[in-house]
Amino acid sequence: DLPDQPTALGGSPDGRFLAVGLNAGRGEQNAVVLFDARTGDRRAAFPTQRKGVTALTFSPDGRYLAAAFPGVVQVWDVEGRELVRTIQGFERVVQRLAFAADGGRLAAGTTDGQVWVWDA
């Protein structure tokens, strides 16, 4: 049972985790919550920007989780449960995120059809 509104979903490559972007509502802290995909147990919660999560993706090795927001992308180390990178400097809404097959780059597709690519 989710008390907040889910805005994005992402599954880990090994099938262990389901990441859910939760919009807590106006003025509340949003989060990305990690659930055990087999049991549904909550494993971790990553605090996010106050803006709602628009896309989620895991790196191919499952080590990192990237979350997109309007104008921001955040990347967490899944095991360490820590924020390792924040990418800012653009104002578009990201609809899609994807890591390259080797995990070396992260791409974001925006609502206006642009694609942004960064070294992961």
PDB file of N, CA and C in Angstrom:
ATOM      1  N   ASP A   1       0.844  -1.182   0.000  1.00  0.00           N
ATOM      2  CA  ASP A   1       0.000   0.000   0.000  1.00  0.00           C
ATOM      3  C   ASP A   1       0.880   1.233   0.000  1.00  0.00           C
ATOM      4  N   LEU A   2       0.703   2.113  -0.986  1.00  0.00           N
ATOM      5  CA  LEU A   2       1.504   3.320  -1.108  1.00  0.00           C
ATOM      6  C   LEU A   2       0.682   4.534  -0.691  1.00  0.00           C
ATOM      7  N   PRO A   3       1.133   5.273   0.336  1.00  0.00           N
ATOM      8  CA  PRO A   3       0.391   6.437   0.779  1.00  0.00           C
ATOM      9  C   PRO A   3       0.524   7.618  -0.170  1.00  0.00           C
ATOM     10  N   ASP A   4       1.574   7.640  -0.988  1.00  0.00           N
ATOM     11  CA  ASP A   4       1.827   8.739  -1.892  1.00  0.00           C
ATOM     12  C   ASP A   4       1.554   8.304  -3.323  1.00  0.00           C
ATOM     13  N   GLN A   5       1.544   9.261  -4.227  1.00  0.00           N
ATOM     14  CA  GLN A   5       1.251   8.974  -5.629  1.00  0.00           C
ATOM     15  C   GLN A   5       2.509   8.531  -6.368  1.00  0.00           C
ATOM     16  N   PRO A   6       2.530   7.312  -6.935  1.00  0.00           N
ATOM     17  CA  PRO A   6       3.678   6.873  -7.727  1.00  0.00           C
ATOM     18  C   PRO A   6       3.750   7.661  -9.036  1.00  0.00           C
ATOM     19  N   THR A   7       4.954   8.125  -9.389  1.00  0.00           N
ATOM     20  CA  THR A   7       5.123   8.905 -10.608  1.00  0.00           C
ATOM     21  C   THR A   7       6.079   8.249 -11.594  1.00  0.00           C
ATOM     22  N   ALA A   8       6.878   7.279 -11.148  1.00  0.00           N
ATOM     23  CA  ALA A   8       7.829   6.598 -12.028  1.00  0.00           C
ATOM     24  C   ALA A   8       8.200   5.250 -11.414  1.00  0.00           C
ATOM     25  N   LEU A   9       8.551   4.287 -12.278  1.00  0.00           N
ATOM     26  CA  LEU A   9       8.953   2.957 -11.832  1.00  0.00           C
ATOM     27  C   LEU A   9      10.220   2.531 -12.557  1.00  0.00           C
ATOM     28  N   GLY A  10      11.036   1.725 -11.890  1.00  0.00           N
ATOM     29  CA  GLY A  10      12.220   1.154 -12.522  1.00  0.00           C
ATOM     30  C   GLY A  10      12.590  -0.141 -11.835  1.00  0.00           C
ATOM     31  N   GLY A  11      12.946  -1.152 -12.618  1.00  0.00           N
ATOM     32  CA  GLY A  11      13.340  -2.443 -12.058  1.00  0.00           C
ATOM     33  C   GLY A  11      14.832  -2.659 -12.201  1.00  0.00           C
ATOM     34  N   SER A  12      15.448  -3.255 -11.181  1.00  0.00           N
ATOM     35  CA  SER A  12      16.881  -3.539 -11.251  1.00  0.00           C
ATOM     36  C   SER A  12      17.117  -4.666 -12.254  1.00  0.00           C
ATOM     37  N   PRO A  13      18.277  -4.666 -12.921  1.00  0.00           N
ATOM     38  CA  PRO A  13      18.552  -5.687 -13.937  1.00  0.00           C
ATOM     39  C   PRO A  13      18.513  -7.126 -13.415  1.00  0.00           C
ATOM     40  N   ASP A  14      18.839  -7.320 -12.136  1.00  0.00           N
ATOM     41  CA  ASP A  14      18.830  -8.674 -11.576  1.00  0.00           C
ATOM     42  C   ASP A  14      17.470  -9.072 -11.005  1.00  0.00           C
ATOM     43  N   GLY A  15      16.500  -8.173 -11.089  1.00  0.00           N
ATOM     44  CA  GLY A  15      15.150  -8.473 -10.620  1.00  0.00           C
ATOM     45  C   GLY A  15      14.965  -8.387  -9.113  1.00  0.00           C
ATOM     46  N   ARG A  16      15.985  -7.928  -8.378  1.00  0.00           N
ATOM     47  CA  ARG A  16      15.892  -7.858  -6.913  1.00  0.00           C
ATOM     48  C   ARG A  16      15.068  -6.683  -6.417  1.00  0.00           C
ATOM     49  N   PHE A  17      15.157  -5.540  -7.100  1.00  0.00           N
ATOM     50  CA  PHE A  17      14.540  -4.320  -6.591  1.00  0.00           C
ATOM     51  C   PHE A  17      13.578  -3.693  -7.583  1.00  0.00           C
ATOM     52  N   LEU A  18      12.574  -3.022  -7.022  1.00  0.00           N
ATOM     53  CA  LEU A  18      11.696  -2.152  -7.782  1.00  0.00           C
ATOM     54  C   LEU A  18      11.836  -0.767  -7.165  1.00  0.00           C
ATOM     55  N   ALA A  19      12.210   0.205  -7.978  1.00  0.00           N
ATOM     56  CA  ALA A  19      12.309   1.593  -7.513  1.00  0.00           C
ATOM     57  C   ALA A  19      11.025   2.310  -7.908  1.00  0.00           C
ATOM     58  N   VAL A  20      10.457   3.062  -6.962  1.00  0.00           N
ATOM     59  CA  VAL A  20       9.217   3.777  -7.200  1.00  0.00           C
ATOM     60  C   VAL A  20       9.416   5.231  -6.811  1.00  0.00           C
ATOM     61  N   GLY A  21       9.160   6.128  -7.754  1.00  0.00           N
ATOM     62  CA  GLY A  21       9.182   7.561  -7.448  1.00  0.00           C
ATOM     63  C   GLY A  21       7.849   7.932  -6.844  1.00  0.00           C
ATOM     64  N   LEU A  22       7.872   8.524  -5.651  1.00  0.00           N
ATOM     65  CA  LEU A  22       6.637   8.869  -4.952  1.00  0.00           C
ATOM     66  C   LEU A  22       6.500  10.374  -4.800  1.00  0.00           C
ATOM     67  N   ASN A  23       5.365  10.878  -5.216  1.00  0.00           N
ATOM     68  CA  ASN A  23       5.045  12.289  -5.063  1.00  0.00           C
ATOM     69  C   ASN A  23       4.201  12.431  -3.801  1.00  0.00           C
ATOM     70  N   ALA A  24       4.786  13.059  -2.792  1.00  0.00           N
ATOM     71  CA  ALA A  24       4.119  13.176  -1.491  1.00  0.00           C
ATOM     72  C   ALA A  24       3.079  14.287  -1.462  1.00  0.00           C
ATOM     73  N   GLY A  25       3.045  15.102  -2.471  1.00  0.00           N
ATOM     74  CA  GLY A  25       2.064  16.175  -2.500  1.00  0.00           C
ATOM     75  C   GLY A  25       2.700  17.534  -2.307  1.00  0.00           C
ATOM     76  N   ARG A  26       1.916  18.526  -2.467  1.00  0.00           N
ATOM     77  CA  ARG A  26       2.379  19.912  -2.424  1.00  0.00           C
ATOM     78  C   ARG A  26       3.090  20.233  -1.112  1.00  0.00           C
ATOM     79  N   GLY A  27       4.328  20.723  -1.235  1.00  0.00           N
ATOM     80  CA  GLY A  27       5.078  21.165  -0.066  1.00  0.00           C
ATOM     81  C   GLY A  27       5.724  20.046   0.736  1.00  0.00           C
ATOM     82  N   GLU A  28       5.498  18.792   0.363  1.00  0.00           N
ATOM     83  CA  GLU A  28       6.069  17.662   1.098  1.00  0.00           C
ATOM     84  C   GLU A  28       7.319  17.155   0.392  1.00  0.00           C
ATOM     85  N   GLN A  29       8.149  16.420   1.119  1.00  0.00           N
ATOM     86  CA  GLN A  29       9.362  15.852   0.543  1.00  0.00           C
ATOM     87  C   GLN A  29       9.032  14.606  -0.274  1.00  0.00           C
ATOM     88  N   ASN A  30       9.376  14.630  -1.550  1.00  0.00           N
ATOM     89  CA  ASN A  30       9.202  13.461  -2.407  1.00  0.00           C
ATOM     90  C   ASN A  30      10.329  12.480  -2.136  1.00  0.00           C
ATOM     91  N   ALA A  31      10.204  11.266  -2.643  1.00  0.00           N
ATOM     92  CA  ALA A  31      11.238  10.257  -2.415  1.00  0.00           C
ATOM     93  C   ALA A  31      11.230   9.236  -3.531  1.00  0.00           C
ATOM     94  N   VAL A  32      12.363   8.552  -3.662  1.00  0.00           N
ATOM     95  CA  VAL A  32      12.447   7.343  -4.466  1.00  0.00           C
ATOM     96  C   VAL A  32      12.584   6.212  -3.463  1.00  0.00           C
ATOM     97  N   VAL A  33      11.654   5.271  -3.503  1.00  0.00           N
ATOM     98  CA  VAL A  33      11.640   4.176  -2.539  1.00  0.00           C
ATOM     99  C   VAL A  33      12.037   2.888  -3.252  1.00  0.00           C
ATOM    100  N   LEU A  34      12.914   2.132  -2.608  1.00  0.00           N
ATOM    101  CA  LEU A  34      13.387   0.856  -3.130  1.00  0.00           C
ATOM    102  C   LEU A  34      12.647  -0.259  -2.410  1.00  0.00           C
ATOM    103  N   PHE A  35      11.972  -1.116  -3.180  1.00  0.00           N
ATOM    104  CA  PHE A  35      11.243  -2.249  -2.627  1.00  0.00           C
ATOM    105  C   PHE A  35      11.914  -3.547  -3.062  1.00  0.00           C
ATOM    106  N   ASP A  36      11.847  -4.561  -2.210  1.00  0.00           N
ATOM    107  CA  ASP A  36      12.258  -5.906  -2.590  1.00  0.00           C
ATOM    108  C   ASP A  36      11.215  -6.404  -3.581  1.00  0.00           C
ATOM    109  N   ALA A  37      11.634  -6.729  -4.796  1.00  0.00           N
ATOM    110  CA  ALA A  37      10.685  -7.106  -5.846  1.00  0.00           C
ATOM    111  C   ALA A  37       9.966  -8.413  -5.545  1.00  0.00           C
ATOM    112  N   ARG A  38      10.565  -9.277  -4.741  1.00  0.00           N
ATOM    113  CA  ARG A  38       9.943 -10.575  -4.443  1.00  0.00           C
ATOM    114  C   ARG A  38       8.946 -10.498  -3.290  1.00  0.00           C
ATOM    115  N   THR A  39       9.292  -9.735  -2.260  1.00  0.00           N
ATOM    116  CA  THR A  39       8.455  -9.699  -1.060  1.00  0.00           C
ATOM    117  C   THR A  39       7.606  -8.435  -0.943  1.00  0.00           C
ATOM    118  N   GLY A  40       8.010  -7.371  -1.635  1.00  0.00           N
ATOM    119  CA  GLY A  40       7.313  -6.098  -1.509  1.00  0.00           C
ATOM    120  C   GLY A  40       7.764  -5.282  -0.311  1.00  0.00           C
ATOM    121  N   ASP A  41       8.746  -5.795   0.457  1.00  0.00           N
ATOM    122  CA  ASP A  41       9.246  -5.062   1.624  1.00  0.00           C
ATOM    123  C   ASP A  41      10.016  -3.831   1.192  1.00  0.00           C
ATOM    124  N   ARG A  42       9.841  -2.767   1.939  1.00  0.00           N
ATOM    125  CA  ARG A  42      10.556  -1.520   1.698  1.00  0.00           C
ATOM    126  C   ARG A  42      12.001  -1.691   2.153  1.00  0.00           C
ATOM    127  N   ARG A  43      12.975  -1.427   1.275  1.00  0.00           N
ATOM    128  CA  ARG A  43      14.389  -1.614   1.586  1.00  0.00           C
ATOM    129  C   ARG A  43      15.128  -0.312   1.846  1.00  0.00           C
ATOM    130  N   ALA A  44      14.725   0.768   1.175  1.00  0.00           N
ATOM    131  CA  ALA A  44      15.416   2.052   1.343  1.00  0.00           C
ATOM    132  C   ALA A  44      14.546   3.155   0.770  1.00  0.00           C
ATOM    133  N   ALA A  45      14.828   4.365   1.201  1.00  0.00           N
ATOM    134  CA  ALA A  45      14.183   5.545   0.618  1.00  0.00           C
ATOM    135  C   ALA A  45      15.250   6.605   0.408  1.00  0.00           C
ATOM    136  N   PHE A  46      15.271   7.156  -0.779  1.00  0.00           N
ATOM    137  CA  PHE A  46      16.205   8.211  -1.123  1.00  0.00           C
ATOM    138  C   PHE A  46      15.442   9.523  -1.187  1.00  0.00           C
ATOM    139  N   PRO A  47      15.781  10.509  -0.352  1.00  0.00           N
ATOM    140  CA  PRO A  47      15.109  11.805  -0.452  1.00  0.00           C
ATOM    141  C   PRO A  47      15.481  12.468  -1.769  1.00  0.00           C
ATOM    142  N   THR A  48      14.550  13.195  -2.340  1.00  0.00           N
ATOM    143  CA  THR A  48      14.765  13.787  -3.654  1.00  0.00           C
ATOM    144  C   THR A  48      14.488  15.277  -3.640  1.00  0.00           C
ATOM    145  N   GLN A  49      14.612  15.857  -4.815  1.00  0.00           N
ATOM    146  CA  GLN A  49      14.202  17.243  -5.018  1.00  0.00           C
ATOM    147  C   GLN A  49      12.712  17.346  -4.687  1.00  0.00           C
ATOM    148  N   ARG A  50      12.250  18.526  -4.391  1.00  0.00           N
ATOM    149  CA  ARG A  50      10.815  18.695  -4.111  1.00  0.00           C
ATOM    150  C   ARG A  50       9.963  18.489  -5.356  1.00  0.00           C
ATOM    151  N   LYS A  51      10.578  18.584  -6.522  1.00  0.00           N
ATOM    152  CA  LYS A  51       9.856  18.336  -7.768  1.00  0.00           C
ATOM    153  C   LYS A  51       9.582  16.845  -7.900  1.00  0.00           C
ATOM    154  N   GLY A  52       8.507  16.478  -8.573  1.00  0.00           N
ATOM    155  CA  GLY A  52       8.154  15.069  -8.722  1.00  0.00           C
ATOM    156  C   GLY A  52       9.118  14.307  -9.622  1.00  0.00           C
ATOM    157  N   VAL A  53       9.309  13.034  -9.333  1.00  0.00           N
ATOM    158  CA  VAL A  53      10.160  12.157 -10.125  1.00  0.00           C
ATOM    159  C   VAL A  53       9.463  11.879 -11.457  1.00  0.00           C
ATOM    160  N   THR A  54      10.207  12.032 -12.567  1.00  0.00           N
ATOM    161  CA  THR A  54       9.614  11.816 -13.887  1.00  0.00           C
ATOM    162  C   THR A  54      10.130  10.557 -14.581  1.00  0.00           C
ATOM    163  N   ALA A  55      11.291  10.028 -14.167  1.00  0.00           N
ATOM    164  CA  ALA A  55      11.841   8.813 -14.778  1.00  0.00           C
ATOM    165  C   ALA A  55      12.858   8.186 -13.834  1.00  0.00           C
ATOM    166  N   LEU A  56      12.989   6.861 -13.909  1.00  0.00           N
ATOM    167  CA  LEU A  56      13.949   6.111 -13.100  1.00  0.00           C
ATOM    168  C   LEU A  56      14.620   5.045 -13.956  1.00  0.00           C
ATOM    169  N   THR A  57      15.890   4.775 -13.681  1.00  0.00           N
ATOM    170  CA  THR A  57      16.571   3.659 -14.330  1.00  0.00           C
ATOM    171  C   THR A  57      17.752   3.203 -13.490  1.00  0.00           C
ATOM    172  N   PHE A  58      18.040   1.920 -13.554  1.00  0.00           N
ATOM    173  CA  PHE A  58      19.219   1.349 -12.904  1.00  0.00           C
ATOM    174  C   PHE A  58      20.336   1.224 -13.932  1.00  0.00           C
ATOM    175  N   SER A  59      21.578   1.290 -13.466  1.00  0.00           N
ATOM    176  CA  SER A  59      22.714   0.997 -14.339  1.00  0.00           C
ATOM    177  C   SER A  59      22.676  -0.494 -14.671  1.00  0.00           C
ATOM    178  N   PRO A  60      23.326  -0.911 -15.770  1.00  0.00           N
ATOM    179  CA  PRO A  60      23.277  -2.331 -16.170  1.00  0.00           C
ATOM    180  C   PRO A  60      23.764  -3.298 -15.094  1.00  0.00           C
ATOM    181  N   ASP A  61      24.699  -2.869 -14.245  1.00  0.00           N
ATOM    182  CA  ASP A  61      25.188  -3.746 -13.181  1.00  0.00           C
ATOM    183  C   ASP A  61      24.365  -3.618 -11.896  1.00  0.00           C
ATOM    184  N   GLY A  62      23.355  -2.727 -11.900  1.00  0.00           N
ATOM    185  CA  GLY A  62      22.493  -2.538 -10.742  1.00  0.00           C
ATOM    186  C   GLY A  62      23.116  -1.729  -9.625  1.00  0.00           C
ATOM    187  N   ARG A  63      24.337  -1.240  -9.813  1.00  0.00           N
ATOM    188  CA  ARG A  63      25.026  -0.507  -8.750  1.00  0.00           C
ATOM    189  C   ARG A  63      24.442   0.889  -8.534  1.00  0.00           C
ATOM    190  N   TYR A  64      23.990   1.524  -9.610  1.00  0.00           N
ATOM    191  CA  TYR A  64      23.492   2.891  -9.514  1.00  0.00           C
ATOM    192  C   TYR A  64      22.031   2.988  -9.921  1.00  0.00           C
ATOM    193  N   LEU A  65      21.353   3.952  -9.335  1.00  0.00           N
ATOM    194  CA  LEU A  65      19.974   4.265  -9.665  1.00  0.00           C
ATOM    195  C   LEU A  65      19.917   5.741 -10.015  1.00  0.00           C
ATOM    196  N   ALA A  66      19.398   6.055 -11.197  1.00  0.00           N
ATOM    197  CA  ALA A  66      19.260   7.442 -11.632  1.00  0.00           C
ATOM    198  C   ALA A  66      17.789   7.829 -11.603  1.00  0.00           C
ATOM    199  N   ALA A  67      17.530   9.046 -11.141  1.00  0.00           N
ATOM    200  CA  ALA A  67      16.170   9.576 -11.088  1.00  0.00           C
ATOM    201  C   ALA A  67      16.150  10.949 -11.749  1.00  0.00           C
ATOM    202  N   ALA A  68      15.110  11.198 -12.529  1.00  0.00           N
ATOM    203  CA  ALA A  68      14.979  12.472 -13.231  1.00  0.00           C
ATOM    204  C   ALA A  68      13.846  13.296 -12.633  1.00  0.00           C
ATOM    205  N   PHE A  69      14.049  14.600 -12.702  1.00  0.00           N
ATOM    206  CA  PHE A  69      13.087  15.601 -12.241  1.00  0.00           C
ATOM    207  C   PHE A  69      13.124  16.724 -13.272  1.00  0.00           C
ATOM    208  N   PRO A  70      12.175  17.636 -13.251  1.00  0.00           N
ATOM    209  CA  PRO A  70      12.296  18.775 -14.154  1.00  0.00           C
ATOM    210  C   PRO A  70      13.602  19.528 -13.878  1.00  0.00           C
ATOM    211  N   GLY A  71      14.533  19.474 -14.843  1.00  0.00           N
ATOM    212  CA  GLY A  71      15.781  20.218 -14.737  1.00  0.00           C
ATOM    213  C   GLY A  71      16.885  19.591 -13.913  1.00  0.00           C
ATOM    214  N   VAL A  72      16.680  18.397 -13.364  1.00  0.00           N
ATOM    215  CA  VAL A  72      17.688  17.772 -12.495  1.00  0.00           C
ATOM    216  C   VAL A  72      17.686  16.260 -12.699  1.00  0.00           C
ATOM    217  N   VAL A  73      18.886  15.662 -12.662  1.00  0.00           N
ATOM    218  CA  VAL A  73      19.024  14.215 -12.607  1.00  0.00           C
ATOM    219  C   VAL A  73      19.905  13.900 -11.409  1.00  0.00           C
ATOM    220  N   GLN A  74      19.477  12.971 -10.572  1.00  0.00           N
ATOM    221  CA  GLN A  74      20.261  12.541  -9.417  1.00  0.00           C
ATOM    222  C   GLN A  74      20.627  11.073  -9.597  1.00  0.00           C
ATOM    223  N   VAL A  75      21.845  10.704  -9.163  1.00  0.00           N
ATOM    224  CA  VAL A  75      22.318   9.328  -9.257  1.00  0.00           C
ATOM    225  C   VAL A  75      22.743   8.864  -7.877  1.00  0.00           C
ATOM    226  N   TRP A  76      22.221   7.699  -7.443  1.00  0.00           N
ATOM    227  CA  TRP A  76      22.554   7.134  -6.134  1.00  0.00           C
ATOM    228  C   TRP A  76      23.328   5.840  -6.285  1.00  0.00           C
ATOM    229  N   ASP A  77      24.201   5.585  -5.332  1.00  0.00           N
ATOM    230  CA  ASP A  77      24.832   4.283  -5.158  1.00  0.00           C
ATOM    231  C   ASP A  77      23.809   3.448  -4.390  1.00  0.00           C
ATOM    232  N   VAL A  78      23.314   2.374  -4.994  1.00  0.00           N
ATOM    233  CA  VAL A  78      22.231   1.589  -4.399  1.00  0.00           C
ATOM    234  C   VAL A  78      22.667   0.920  -3.102  1.00  0.00           C
ATOM    235  N   GLU A  79      23.817   0.243  -3.099  1.00  0.00           N
ATOM    236  CA  GLU A  79      24.280  -0.448  -1.886  1.00  0.00           C
ATOM    237  C   GLU A  79      24.625   0.527  -0.765  1.00  0.00           C
ATOM    238  N   GLY A  80      25.339   1.591  -1.116  1.00  0.00           N
ATOM    239  CA  GLY A  80      25.757   2.571  -0.115  1.00  0.00           C
ATOM    240  C   GLY A  80      24.650   3.516   0.308  1.00  0.00           C
ATOM    241  N   ARG A  81      23.552   3.519  -0.466  1.00  0.00           N
ATOM    242  CA  ARG A  81      22.398   4.379  -0.171  1.00  0.00           C
ATOM    243  C   ARG A  81      22.793   5.853  -0.094  1.00  0.00           C
ATOM    244  N   GLU A  82      23.708   6.270  -0.996  1.00  0.00           N
ATOM    245  CA  GLU A  82      24.138   7.663  -0.962  1.00  0.00           C
ATOM    246  C   GLU A  82      24.057   8.302  -2.339  1.00  0.00           C
ATOM    247  N   LEU A  83      23.765   9.585  -2.334  1.00  0.00           N
ATOM    248  CA  LEU A  83      23.736  10.382  -3.551  1.00  0.00           C
ATOM    249  C   LEU A  83      25.175  10.573  -4.023  1.00  0.00           C
ATOM    250  N   VAL A  84      25.466  10.206  -5.270  1.00  0.00           N
ATOM    251  CA  VAL A  84      26.831  10.319  -5.776  1.00  0.00           C
ATOM    252  C   VAL A  84      26.974  11.389  -6.851  1.00  0.00           C
ATOM    253  N   ARG A  85      25.849  11.816  -7.436  1.00  0.00           N
ATOM    254  CA  ARG A  85      25.954  12.842  -8.465  1.00  0.00           C
ATOM    255  C   ARG A  85      24.618  13.542  -8.658  1.00  0.00           C
ATOM    256  N   THR A  86      24.695  14.850  -8.843  1.00  0.00           N
ATOM    257  CA  THR A  86      23.531  15.647  -9.213  1.00  0.00           C
ATOM    258  C   THR A  86      23.886  16.405 -10.486  1.00  0.00           C
ATOM    259  N   ILE A  87      23.062  16.252 -11.502  1.00  0.00           N
ATOM    260  CA  ILE A  87      23.290  16.916 -12.784  1.00  0.00           C
ATOM    261  C   ILE A  87      22.227  17.993 -12.938  1.00  0.00           C
ATOM    262  N   GLN A  88      22.681  19.229 -13.093  1.00  0.00           N
ATOM    263  CA  GLN A  88      21.773  20.362 -13.249  1.00  0.00           C
ATOM    264  C   GLN A  88      22.197  21.171 -14.465  1.00  0.00           C
ATOM    265  N   GLY A  89      21.486  22.245 -14.707  1.00  0.00           N
ATOM    266  CA  GLY A  89      21.895  23.146 -15.768  1.00  0.00           C
ATOM    267  C   GLY A  89      21.016  23.095 -17.001  1.00  0.00           C
ATOM    268  N   PHE A  90      19.924  22.407 -16.930  1.00  0.00           N
ATOM    269  CA  PHE A  90      18.957  22.402 -18.027  1.00  0.00           C
ATOM    270  C   PHE A  90      17.579  22.502 -17.390  1.00  0.00           C
ATOM    271  N   GLU A  91      16.614  23.044 -18.130  1.00  0.00           N
ATOM    272  CA  GLU A  91      15.299  23.309 -17.539  1.00  0.00           C
ATOM    273  C   GLU A  91      14.187  22.432 -18.099  1.00  0.00           C
ATOM    274  N   ARG A  92      14.536  21.453 -18.853  1.00  0.00           N
ATOM    275  CA  ARG A  92      13.522  20.625 -19.497  1.00  0.00           C
ATOM    276  C   ARG A  92      13.055  19.491 -18.574  1.00  0.00           C
ATOM    277  N   VAL A  93      11.865  18.990 -18.866  1.00  0.00           N
ATOM    278  CA  VAL A  93      11.334  17.852 -18.131  1.00  0.00           C
ATOM    279  C   VAL A  93      11.854  16.573 -18.789  1.00  0.00           C
ATOM    280  N   VAL A  94      12.513  15.725 -18.027  1.00  0.00           N
ATOM    281  CA  VAL A  94      13.047  14.458 -18.532  1.00  0.00           C
ATOM    282  C   VAL A  94      11.944  13.408 -18.481  1.00  0.00           C
ATOM    283  N   GLN A  95      11.687  12.769 -19.624  1.00  0.00           N
ATOM    284  CA  GLN A  95      10.689  11.705 -19.699  1.00  0.00           C
ATOM    285  C   GLN A  95      11.305  10.324 -19.641  1.00  0.00           C
ATOM    286  N   ARG A  96      12.542  10.185 -20.114  1.00  0.00           N
ATOM    287  CA  ARG A  96      13.201   8.889 -20.181  1.00  0.00           C
ATOM    288  C   ARG A  96      14.650   8.998 -19.734  1.00  0.00           C
ATOM    289  N   LEU A  97      15.134   7.953 -19.093  1.00  0.00           N
ATOM    290  CA  LEU A  97      16.537   7.827 -18.703  1.00  0.00           C
ATOM    291  C   LEU A  97      17.037   6.458 -19.134  1.00  0.00           C
ATOM    292  N   ALA A  98      18.299   6.385 -19.533  1.00  0.00           N
ATOM    293  CA  ALA A  98      18.886   5.092 -19.883  1.00  0.00           C
ATOM    294  C   ALA A  98      20.394   5.163 -19.735  1.00  0.00           C
ATOM    295  N   PHE A  99      20.962   4.113 -19.136  1.00  0.00           N
ATOM    296  CA  PHE A  99      22.405   3.947 -19.109  1.00  0.00           C
ATOM    297  C   PHE A  99      22.825   3.205 -20.374  1.00  0.00           C
ATOM    298  N   ALA A 100      24.033   3.490 -20.870  1.00  0.00           N
ATOM    299  CA  ALA A 100      24.609   2.704 -21.964  1.00  0.00           C
ATOM    300  C   ALA A 100      24.824   1.283 -21.460  1.00  0.00           C
ATOM    301  N   ALA A 101      24.918   0.334 -22.370  1.00  0.00           N
ATOM    302  CA  ALA A 101      25.073  -1.075 -22.001  1.00  0.00           C
ATOM    303  C   ALA A 101      26.293  -1.318 -21.115  1.00  0.00           C
ATOM    304  N   ASP A 102      27.361  -0.532 -21.307  1.00  0.00           N
ATOM    305  CA  ASP A 102      28.564  -0.691 -20.480  1.00  0.00           C
ATOM    306  C   ASP A 102      28.515   0.159 -19.211  1.00  0.00           C
ATOM    307  N   GLY A 103      27.434   0.917 -19.016  1.00  0.00           N
ATOM    308  CA  GLY A 103      27.275   1.752 -17.831  1.00  0.00           C
ATOM    309  C   GLY A 103      28.082   3.039 -17.860  1.00  0.00           C
ATOM    310  N   GLY A 104      28.783   3.311 -18.955  1.00  0.00           N
ATOM    311  CA  GLY A 104      29.674   4.462 -19.017  1.00  0.00           C
ATOM    312  C   GLY A 104      29.010   5.797 -19.294  1.00  0.00           C
ATOM    313  N   ARG A 105      27.804   5.777 -19.815  1.00  0.00           N
ATOM    314  CA  ARG A 105      27.089   7.027 -20.109  1.00  0.00           C
ATOM    315  C   ARG A 105      25.643   6.918 -19.644  1.00  0.00           C
ATOM    316  N   LEU A 106      25.087   8.079 -19.353  1.00  0.00           N
ATOM    317  CA  LEU A 106      23.692   8.178 -18.959  1.00  0.00           C
ATOM    318  C   LEU A 106      23.022   9.148 -19.913  1.00  0.00           C
ATOM    319  N   ALA A 107      21.901   8.751 -20.495  1.00  0.00           N
ATOM    320  CA  ALA A 107      21.165   9.597 -21.436  1.00  0.00           C
ATOM    321  C   ALA A 107      19.809   9.950 -20.855  1.00  0.00           C
ATOM    322  N   ALA A 108      19.364  11.164 -21.170  1.00  0.00           N
ATOM    323  CA  ALA A 108      18.055  11.648 -20.739  1.00  0.00           C
ATOM    324  C   ALA A 108      17.324  12.198 -21.951  1.00  0.00           C
ATOM    325  N   GLY A 109      16.086  11.758 -22.147  1.00  0.00           N
ATOM    326  CA  GLY A 109      15.240  12.276 -23.212  1.00  0.00           C
ATOM    327  C   GLY A 109      14.227  13.234 -22.625  1.00  0.00           C
ATOM    328  N   THR A 110      14.127  14.428 -23.220  1.00  0.00           N
ATOM    329  CA  THR A 110      13.258  15.466 -22.666  1.00  0.00           C
ATOM    330  C   THR A 110      11.961  15.592 -23.462  1.00  0.00           C
ATOM    331  N   THR A 111      11.013  16.297 -22.894  1.00  0.00           N
ATOM    332  CA  THR A 111       9.682  16.429 -23.490  1.00  0.00           C
ATOM    333  C   THR A 111       9.704  17.141 -24.832  1.00  0.00           C
ATOM    334  N   ASP A 112      10.742  17.923 -25.100  1.00  0.00           N
ATOM    335  CA  ASP A 112      10.810  18.631 -26.376  1.00  0.00           C
ATOM    336  C   ASP A 112      11.607  17.866 -27.428  1.00  0.00           C
ATOM    337  N   GLY A 113      11.920  16.600 -27.169  1.00  0.00           N
ATOM    338  CA  GLY A 113      12.584  15.748 -28.136  1.00  0.00           C
ATOM    339  C   GLY A 113      14.101  15.782 -28.104  1.00  0.00           C
ATOM    340  N   GLN A 114      14.686  16.505 -27.170  1.00  0.00           N
ATOM    341  CA  GLN A 114      16.141  16.538 -27.071  1.00  0.00           C
ATOM    342  C   GLN A 114      16.657  15.364 -26.252  1.00  0.00           C
ATOM    343  N   VAL A 115      17.894  14.982 -26.520  1.00  0.00           N
ATOM    344  CA  VAL A 115      18.549  13.938 -25.750  1.00  0.00           C
ATOM    345  C   VAL A 115      19.840  14.525 -25.183  1.00  0.00           C
ATOM    346  N   TRP A 116      20.018  14.367 -23.880  1.00  0.00           N
ATOM    347  CA  TRP A 116      21.212  14.824 -23.179  1.00  0.00           C
ATOM    348  C   TRP A 116      22.004  13.585 -22.778  1.00  0.00           C
ATOM    349  N   VAL A 117      23.325  13.629 -22.943  1.00  0.00           N
ATOM    350  CA  VAL A 117      24.172  12.486 -22.601  1.00  0.00           C
ATOM    351  C   VAL A 117      25.324  12.958 -21.727  1.00  0.00           C
ATOM    352  N   TRP A 118      25.573  12.216 -20.643  1.00  0.00           N
ATOM    353  CA  TRP A 118      26.664  12.535 -19.715  1.00  0.00           C
ATOM    354  C   TRP A 118      27.499  11.302 -19.466  1.00  0.00           C
ATOM    355  N   ASP A 119      28.784  11.523 -19.136  1.00  0.00           N
ATOM    356  CA  ASP A 119      29.614  10.424 -18.631  1.00  0.00           C
ATOM    357  C   ASP A 119      29.049  10.034 -17.277  1.00  0.00           C
ATOM    358  N   ALA A 120      28.830   8.758 -17.098  1.00  0.00           N
ATOM    359  CA  ALA A 120      28.238   8.293 -15.839  1.00  0.00           C
ATOM    360  C   ALA A 120      29.273   8.260 -14.742  1.00  0.00           C
TER     361      ALA A 120
END
